[in-house]
Amino acid sequence: MAETLSDDEIAERLPDDWERDGDEIVRTYEFDSYLAGVGFAAGAGGVAQDAFHHPEMTIGYGEVEVRLTSHEEGGITEKDLDLAERFDDLL
């Protein structure tokens, strides 16, 4: 089981365009169309499955909100930050 990160560790390592919201990190990706967002969400779902770490994703017109946390550990872990960076690499 991974350990939760300290507030300082999270602040230092949080990727650009991500925000902390309590025990989650959150980013809203913007796209030119609904289908572009759906395509991103499908790709992110594959990356998440490979990592066996599953985010909450909300798909709207032209945007996808992604929320990451490590439920079993009760907060933000290295897994969340790593997956956030992998999602950013999909763009």
Protein backbone atom coordinates (compact mmCIF):
# COMPACT_ATOMS: atom_id res chain seq x y z
CA MET A 1 0.00 0.00 0.00
CA ALA A 2 1.33 3.45 -0.94
CA GLU A 3 1.73 6.16 1.68
CA THR A 4 -0.12 9.45 1.43
CA LEU A 5 2.02 12.45 0.60
CA SER A 6 2.49 15.44 2.86
CA ASP A 7 1.01 18.82 1.97
CA ASP A 8 4.49 20.07 1.07
CA GLU A 9 5.22 17.07 -1.17
CA ILE A 10 1.94 17.56 -3.01
CA ALA A 11 2.51 21.30 -3.47
CA GLU A 12 6.04 20.71 -4.80
CA ARG A 13 5.12 17.95 -7.24
CA LEU A 14 1.62 18.90 -8.42
CA PRO A 15 1.77 19.09 -12.24
CA ASP A 16 0.96 22.37 -14.00
CA ASP A 17 -2.77 23.03 -14.49
CA TRP A 18 -3.72 20.60 -11.69
CA GLU A 19 -5.27 21.83 -8.45
CA ARG A 20 -5.69 20.25 -5.08
CA ASP A 21 -9.25 19.84 -3.79
CA GLY A 22 -9.05 18.28 -0.33
CA ASP A 23 -7.90 14.68 -0.72
CA GLU A 24 -8.04 14.86 -4.54
CA ILE A 25 -6.12 16.46 -7.36
CA VAL A 26 -8.25 17.87 -10.17
CA ARG A 27 -7.80 19.12 -13.70
CA THR A 28 -10.29 20.13 -16.36
CA TYR A 29 -9.02 19.51 -19.88
CA GLU A 30 -10.58 21.62 -22.64
CA PHE A 31 -11.22 20.44 -26.20
CA ASP A 32 -12.63 21.91 -29.41
CA SER A 33 -15.42 19.34 -29.60
CA TYR A 34 -17.34 16.80 -27.59
CA LEU A 35 -15.84 13.86 -29.48
CA ALA A 36 -12.30 15.10 -28.87
CA GLY A 37 -13.03 15.01 -25.15
CA VAL A 38 -14.55 11.55 -25.41
CA GLY A 39 -11.45 10.37 -27.27
CA PHE A 40 -9.21 11.78 -24.55
CA ALA A 41 -11.31 10.11 -21.85
CA ALA A 42 -11.06 6.76 -23.67
CA GLY A 43 -7.27 7.10 -23.88
CA ALA A 44 -7.04 8.15 -20.24
CA GLY A 45 -9.18 5.16 -19.30
CA GLY A 46 -6.71 2.83 -20.99
CA VAL A 47 -3.76 4.46 -19.21
CA ALA A 48 -5.61 4.21 -15.89
CA GLN A 49 -6.42 0.55 -16.45
CA ASP A 50 -2.77 -0.21 -17.24
CA ALA A 51 -1.79 1.51 -13.98
CA PHE A 52 -4.68 -0.19 -12.14
CA HIS A 53 -5.55 3.22 -10.68
CA HIS A 54 -8.94 4.57 -11.66
CA PRO A 55 -9.93 8.27 -11.66
CA GLU A 56 -13.32 9.87 -11.67
CA MET A 57 -13.92 11.51 -15.06
CA THR A 58 -16.79 13.77 -16.02
CA ILE A 59 -17.26 14.40 -19.73
CA GLY A 60 -19.01 17.58 -20.84
CA TYR A 61 -19.19 19.45 -24.11
CA GLY A 62 -15.61 20.46 -24.89
CA GLU A 63 -14.20 19.44 -21.52
CA VAL A 64 -13.26 16.50 -19.34
CA GLU A 65 -12.79 16.88 -15.59
CA VAL A 66 -10.43 14.35 -14.02
CA ARG A 67 -10.21 13.71 -10.27
CA LEU A 68 -7.52 11.53 -8.74
CA THR A 69 -7.17 10.19 -5.21
CA SER A 70 -6.04 6.96 -3.60
CA HIS A 71 -9.16 5.78 -1.79
CA GLU A 72 -7.58 2.85 0.04
CA GLU A 73 -4.79 5.06 1.39
CA GLY A 74 -7.17 7.90 2.25
CA GLY A 75 -5.52 10.69 0.29
CA ILE A 76 -3.09 11.70 -2.41
CA THR A 77 -0.19 9.36 -3.17
CA GLU A 78 2.64 9.06 -5.66
CA LYS A 79 0.27 7.02 -7.86
CA ASP A 80 -2.03 10.02 -8.28
CA LEU A 81 0.75 12.40 -9.30
CA ASP A 82 2.25 9.86 -11.69
CA LEU A 83 -1.09 9.21 -13.36
CA ALA A 84 -1.77 12.96 -13.66
CA GLU A 85 1.50 13.34 -15.58
CA ARG A 86 0.64 10.40 -17.82
CA PHE A 87 -2.74 11.96 -18.63
CA ASP A 88 -1.03 15.26 -19.49
CA ASP A 89 1.24 13.37 -21.88
CA LEU A 90 -1.84 12.26 -23.86
CA LEU A 91 -2.45 15.81 -25.10
